[in-house]
N, C-alpha and C. Protein backbone atom coordinates (compact mmCIF):
# COMPACT_ATOMS: atom_id res chain seq x y z
N UNK A 1 -51.42 -120.65 25.85
CA UNK A 1 -52.51 -120.86 25.28
C UNK A 1 -52.67 -121.44 24.33
N UNK A 2 -52.51 -120.72 23.06
CA UNK A 2 -52.57 -120.86 21.76
C UNK A 2 -51.44 -122.47 21.61
N UNK A 3 -50.21 -122.48 21.91
CA UNK A 3 -49.27 -123.73 22.14
C UNK A 3 -50.50 -124.83 22.43
N UNK A 4 -50.97 -124.72 24.03
CA UNK A 4 -51.67 -125.88 24.44
C UNK A 4 -52.94 -126.10 23.33
N UNK A 5 -53.70 -125.48 22.67
CA UNK A 5 -54.40 -125.20 21.80
C UNK A 5 -53.81 -126.53 20.29
N UNK A 6 -52.84 -125.80 20.28
CA UNK A 6 -52.33 -126.68 18.98
C UNK A 6 -51.85 -127.86 19.32
N UNK A 7 -51.22 -128.27 20.89
CA UNK A 7 -50.94 -129.56 21.29
C UNK A 7 -51.97 -130.53 21.25
N UNK A 8 -53.32 -130.15 21.85
CA UNK A 8 -54.21 -130.54 22.19
C UNK A 8 -55.12 -130.96 20.63
N UNK A 9 -54.95 -130.18 19.56
CA UNK A 9 -55.66 -130.50 18.22
C UNK A 9 -55.32 -131.55 17.65
N UNK A 10 -55.80 -132.07 16.72
CA UNK A 10 -55.41 -133.27 15.90
C UNK A 10 -54.67 -132.38 14.40
N UNK A 11 -54.24 -132.65 13.82
CA UNK A 11 -53.23 -131.95 12.77
C UNK A 11 -54.75 -131.32 11.87
N UNK A 12 -55.31 -131.66 11.35
CA UNK A 12 -56.66 -130.67 10.71
C UNK A 12 -57.71 -130.10 11.91
N UNK A 13 -57.39 -130.05 12.68
CA UNK A 13 -58.33 -129.35 13.73
C UNK A 13 -57.89 -127.60 13.97
N UNK A 14 -58.79 -126.78 13.52
CA UNK A 14 -58.49 -125.57 13.95
C UNK A 14 -58.36 -124.76 15.00
N UNK A 15 -57.15 -123.68 15.55
CA UNK A 15 -57.18 -123.32 16.59
C UNK A 15 -57.47 -121.35 16.14
N UNK A 16 -58.44 -121.15 16.98
CA UNK A 16 -58.81 -119.58 16.80
C UNK A 16 -58.44 -118.73 17.57
N UNK A 17 -57.90 -117.47 17.78
CA UNK A 17 -57.71 -116.44 18.52
C UNK A 17 -58.59 -115.47 18.37
N UNK A 18 -59.56 -115.06 19.13
CA UNK A 18 -60.25 -114.00 19.24
C UNK A 18 -59.41 -112.74 20.46
N UNK A 19 -59.57 -111.65 20.09
CA UNK A 19 -59.09 -110.11 20.82
C UNK A 19 -59.65 -109.41 20.71
N UNK A 20 -60.53 -108.66 22.26
CA UNK A 20 -61.50 -107.52 21.97
C UNK A 20 -61.04 -106.55 22.90
N UNK A 21 -61.06 -105.26 22.50
CA UNK A 21 -60.54 -104.52 23.26
C UNK A 21 -62.02 -103.09 23.61
N UNK A 22 -61.95 -103.20 24.74
CA UNK A 22 -63.54 -101.77 24.92
C UNK A 22 -62.38 -101.15 26.26
N UNK A 23 -63.27 -99.83 26.59
CA UNK A 23 -62.82 -98.93 27.64
C UNK A 23 -62.27 -99.96 28.93
N UNK A 24 -63.07 -101.06 29.15
CA UNK A 24 -63.00 -101.47 30.68
C UNK A 24 -62.18 -102.77 30.59
N UNK A 25 -61.90 -103.70 29.80
CA UNK A 25 -61.11 -104.84 29.51
C UNK A 25 -60.54 -105.23 27.97
N UNK A 26 -59.52 -106.01 28.20
CA UNK A 26 -58.72 -106.34 26.96
C UNK A 26 -59.37 -108.39 27.04
N UNK A 27 -59.72 -108.76 26.25
CA UNK A 27 -60.17 -109.82 26.42
C UNK A 27 -59.57 -110.84 24.81
N UNK A 28 -58.94 -111.78 25.65
CA UNK A 28 -58.48 -113.19 24.51
C UNK A 28 -59.35 -114.11 24.92
N UNK A 29 -60.02 -115.21 23.49
CA UNK A 29 -59.95 -116.24 23.70
C UNK A 29 -59.41 -117.17 22.62
N UNK A 30 -59.07 -118.24 23.20
CA UNK A 30 -58.56 -119.33 22.71
C UNK A 30 -59.18 -120.38 22.31
N UNK A 31 -60.01 -120.98 21.10
CA UNK A 31 -60.57 -122.23 20.97
C UNK A 31 -59.69 -123.26 20.29
N UNK A 32 -59.87 -124.62 20.82
CA UNK A 32 -59.31 -125.54 19.93
C UNK A 32 -60.45 -126.72 19.68
N UNK A 33 -60.07 -127.49 18.77
CA UNK A 33 -60.99 -128.47 18.76
C UNK A 33 -60.27 -129.78 19.09
N UNK A 34 -59.42 -129.89 19.85
CA UNK A 34 -58.98 -131.11 20.38
C UNK A 34 -59.53 -132.11 21.29
N UNK A 35 -59.02 -133.10 22.22
CA UNK A 35 -59.73 -133.69 22.72
C UNK A 35 -60.65 -133.64 23.75
N UNK A 36 -60.62 -132.18 24.27
CA UNK A 36 -61.31 -131.66 25.43
C UNK A 36 -60.96 -132.27 26.68
N UNK A 37 -61.32 -131.79 27.89
CA UNK A 37 -61.22 -132.08 29.01
C UNK A 37 -62.16 -132.12 29.77
N UNK A 38 -62.26 -133.11 30.71
CA UNK A 38 -63.79 -133.66 31.78
C UNK A 38 -63.65 -132.70 32.72
N UNK A 39 -64.86 -132.52 33.12
CA UNK A 39 -64.84 -131.46 34.26
C UNK A 39 -63.81 -131.37 35.53
N UNK A 40 -63.49 -132.88 36.15
CA UNK A 40 -62.24 -132.73 36.87
C UNK A 40 -61.05 -132.41 36.25
N UNK A 41 -60.53 -132.39 35.44
CA UNK A 41 -59.15 -132.25 34.73
C UNK A 41 -59.27 -130.89 34.54
N UNK A 42 -60.37 -130.28 33.64
CA UNK A 42 -60.39 -128.40 33.60
C UNK A 42 -60.41 -127.74 34.73
N UNK A 43 -61.09 -128.79 35.86
CA UNK A 43 -60.49 -128.06 37.62
C UNK A 43 -59.72 -127.56 37.65
N UNK A 44 -58.85 -128.68 37.83
CA UNK A 44 -57.47 -128.51 37.62
C UNK A 44 -56.76 -127.97 37.02
N UNK A 45 -56.57 -127.68 35.71
CA UNK A 45 -55.92 -127.31 34.58
C UNK A 45 -54.87 -125.98 35.03
N UNK A 46 -55.61 -124.95 36.13
CA UNK A 46 -54.82 -123.87 36.52
C UNK A 46 -53.97 -124.18 37.51
N UNK A 47 -54.36 -125.25 38.55
CA UNK A 47 -53.13 -125.55 39.35
C UNK A 47 -51.70 -125.48 38.71
N UNK A 48 -50.68 -125.20 40.04
CA UNK A 48 -49.54 -125.06 39.78
C UNK A 48 -48.97 -126.42 39.24
N UNK A 49 -47.90 -126.84 38.34
CA UNK A 49 -47.41 -128.15 37.61
C UNK A 49 -48.30 -129.24 37.66
N UNK A 50 -49.61 -128.69 37.36
CA UNK A 50 -50.37 -130.09 36.63
C UNK A 50 -50.43 -129.76 34.89
N UNK A 51 -50.46 -131.18 34.77
CA UNK A 51 -50.44 -131.17 32.95
C UNK A 51 -50.64 -132.23 33.01
N UNK A 52 -51.25 -132.84 31.42
CA UNK A 52 -52.21 -134.08 31.20
C UNK A 52 -51.00 -134.26 30.13
N UNK A 53 -49.71 -133.58 29.88
CA UNK A 53 -48.68 -133.94 28.90
C UNK A 53 -47.97 -134.72 29.32
N UNK A 54 -46.90 -135.87 28.70
CA UNK A 54 -45.93 -136.92 28.96
C UNK A 54 -44.77 -136.35 29.84
N UNK A 55 -44.56 -137.17 30.61
CA UNK A 55 -42.91 -136.36 31.28
C UNK A 55 -42.22 -135.79 30.13
N UNK A 56 -41.47 -134.54 30.84
CA UNK A 56 -40.86 -134.00 30.44
C UNK A 56 -41.12 -133.30 28.96
N UNK A 57 -42.59 -132.81 28.53
CA UNK A 57 -42.78 -132.01 27.81
C UNK A 57 -43.65 -131.01 28.26
N UNK A 58 -43.85 -130.82 29.55
CA UNK A 58 -44.73 -129.26 29.62
C UNK A 58 -44.53 -129.59 31.60
N UNK A 59 -44.40 -128.26 31.77
CA UNK A 59 -43.91 -127.77 33.36
C UNK A 59 -45.36 -128.14 34.07
N UNK A 60 -46.60 -127.44 33.50
CA UNK A 60 -47.69 -127.20 34.10
C UNK A 60 -48.24 -125.77 34.69
N UNK A 61 -47.20 -125.08 33.94
CA UNK A 61 -47.25 -123.82 34.32
C UNK A 61 -48.16 -122.76 33.39
N UNK A 62 -48.27 -122.88 32.63
CA UNK A 62 -48.80 -122.10 31.64
C UNK A 62 -50.21 -121.38 31.75
N UNK A 63 -50.63 -122.50 32.19
CA UNK A 63 -52.54 -121.53 32.22
C UNK A 63 -52.45 -121.22 33.67
N UNK A 64 -51.75 -121.67 35.02
CA UNK A 64 -51.68 -121.21 36.13
C UNK A 64 -50.78 -119.60 36.23
N UNK A 65 -49.98 -119.50 35.66
CA UNK A 65 -48.91 -118.26 35.13
C UNK A 65 -50.08 -117.43 34.44
N UNK A 66 -50.75 -117.47 33.47
CA UNK A 66 -52.07 -116.73 32.73
C UNK A 66 -52.78 -116.22 33.87
N UNK A 67 -53.54 -117.07 34.76
CA UNK A 67 -54.24 -116.69 35.43
C UNK A 67 -53.96 -115.79 36.52
N UNK A 68 -52.70 -116.19 37.13
CA UNK A 68 -52.44 -115.66 38.16
C UNK A 68 -51.66 -114.43 37.60
N UNK A 69 -51.26 -113.64 36.56
CA UNK A 69 -51.30 -112.41 35.74
C UNK A 69 -52.49 -111.86 35.50
N UNK A 70 -53.39 -112.52 35.20
CA UNK A 70 -55.11 -112.02 34.85
C UNK A 70 -55.47 -111.39 36.32
N UNK A 71 -55.52 -112.08 37.16
CA UNK A 71 -55.74 -112.07 38.40
C UNK A 71 -55.28 -110.80 39.22
N UNK A 72 -53.73 -110.73 38.76
CA UNK A 72 -52.94 -109.64 39.42
C UNK A 72 -53.27 -108.27 38.97
N UNK A 73 -53.92 -108.17 37.60
CA UNK A 73 -54.35 -107.03 36.53
C UNK A 73 -55.92 -106.84 36.32
N UNK A 74 -56.59 -107.14 37.34
CA UNK A 74 -58.10 -107.06 37.35
C UNK A 74 -58.99 -108.15 36.84
N UNK A 75 -58.20 -109.15 36.31
CA UNK A 75 -59.12 -109.96 35.49
C UNK A 75 -59.25 -111.20 35.86
N UNK A 76 -59.10 -112.20 34.86
CA UNK A 76 -59.30 -113.94 34.82
C UNK A 76 -59.13 -114.63 34.21
N UNK A 77 -59.40 -115.40 34.35
CA UNK A 77 -59.38 -116.91 32.99
C UNK A 77 -60.20 -117.77 33.37
N UNK A 78 -60.94 -118.32 32.52
CA UNK A 78 -62.05 -118.95 32.45
C UNK A 78 -61.96 -120.43 31.00
N UNK A 79 -62.23 -121.77 31.49
CA UNK A 79 -62.20 -122.38 30.44
C UNK A 79 -63.53 -123.35 30.11
N UNK A 80 -63.90 -123.38 29.16
CA UNK A 80 -65.04 -124.26 29.00
C UNK A 80 -64.47 -125.40 28.18
N UNK A 81 -64.70 -126.62 28.40
CA UNK A 81 -64.31 -127.56 27.55
C UNK A 81 -64.97 -128.91 27.96
N UNK A 82 -65.74 -129.42 26.68
CA UNK A 82 -66.34 -130.88 26.16
C UNK A 82 -65.21 -132.12 25.85
N UNK A 83 -65.06 -133.08 26.16
CA UNK A 83 -64.43 -134.36 26.29
C UNK A 83 -64.71 -134.68 24.26
N UNK A 84 -63.86 -134.72 23.39
CA UNK A 84 -64.36 -135.18 22.20
C UNK A 84 -64.44 -134.61 21.35
N UNK A 85 -64.82 -132.70 21.79
CA UNK A 85 -65.17 -131.44 21.12
C UNK A 85 -63.93 -130.22 21.35
N UNK A 86 -63.29 -130.10 22.50
CA UNK A 86 -62.60 -128.88 22.54
C UNK A 86 -62.63 -128.17 23.41
N UNK A 87 -61.90 -127.24 23.54
CA UNK A 87 -61.72 -126.40 24.71
C UNK A 87 -61.79 -125.16 24.15
N UNK A 88 -62.04 -123.92 24.86
CA UNK A 88 -62.23 -122.69 24.77
C UNK A 88 -61.37 -121.78 26.45
N UNK A 89 -60.57 -121.40 25.95
CA UNK A 89 -60.15 -120.35 27.17
C UNK A 89 -60.24 -119.01 27.00
N UNK A 90 -60.75 -118.43 28.13
CA UNK A 90 -60.95 -116.80 27.86
C UNK A 90 -60.10 -116.73 29.25
N UNK A 91 -59.34 -115.23 28.58
CA UNK A 91 -58.35 -114.68 29.60
C UNK A 91 -58.66 -113.24 29.48
N UNK A 92 -58.49 -112.29 30.20
CA UNK A 92 -59.47 -111.24 30.51
C UNK A 92 -58.55 -110.41 31.51
N UNK A 93 -58.54 -108.94 31.31
CA UNK A 93 -57.54 -107.93 31.89
C UNK A 93 -57.97 -106.85 31.65
N UNK A 94 -57.59 -105.65 32.79
CA UNK A 94 -57.76 -104.29 32.38
C UNK A 94 -56.59 -104.00 31.69
N UNK A 95 -56.86 -102.95 30.79
CA UNK A 95 -55.84 -102.90 30.37
C UNK A 95 -54.88 -101.50 30.96
N UNK A 96 -53.82 -101.35 31.06
CA UNK A 96 -53.00 -100.54 31.73
C UNK A 96 -53.38 -99.34 30.80
N UNK A 97 -52.98 -99.25 29.59
CA UNK A 97 -53.59 -97.83 29.04
C UNK A 97 -54.07 -98.66 27.21
N UNK A 98 -55.16 -97.49 27.15
CA UNK A 98 -56.05 -97.81 26.04
C UNK A 98 -55.19 -96.61 24.78
N UNK A 99 -55.33 -97.52 23.54
CA UNK A 99 -54.66 -96.10 22.76
C UNK A 99 -55.67 -96.39 21.70
N UNK A 100 -56.02 -95.59 21.56
CA UNK A 100 -57.36 -95.21 20.21
C UNK A 100 -57.09 -94.33 18.90
N UNK A 101 -57.37 -95.09 17.81
CA UNK A 101 -56.56 -94.50 16.64
C UNK A 101 -57.53 -94.06 15.79
């Protein structure tokens, strides 16, 4: 998700990662200021072997595998994207172990 954000962003665009944990969920949020995706592309983004990258520069498995892992661990993956503005990908799962300090 982070690598996708850097790929999609212009050289001056920021990519941010936010992580939250509580007793119920572990949440990751990656936001970029890239070219964004329209609804049709965002809907396909988690399908296996779907990529918007040129041939040979991506397998199109990253978001598919992330979503599959999250769902198997009781969570999910969501995408919010606006063309010309950027994309936010949210990944959440139930933590296997909670360590409090």
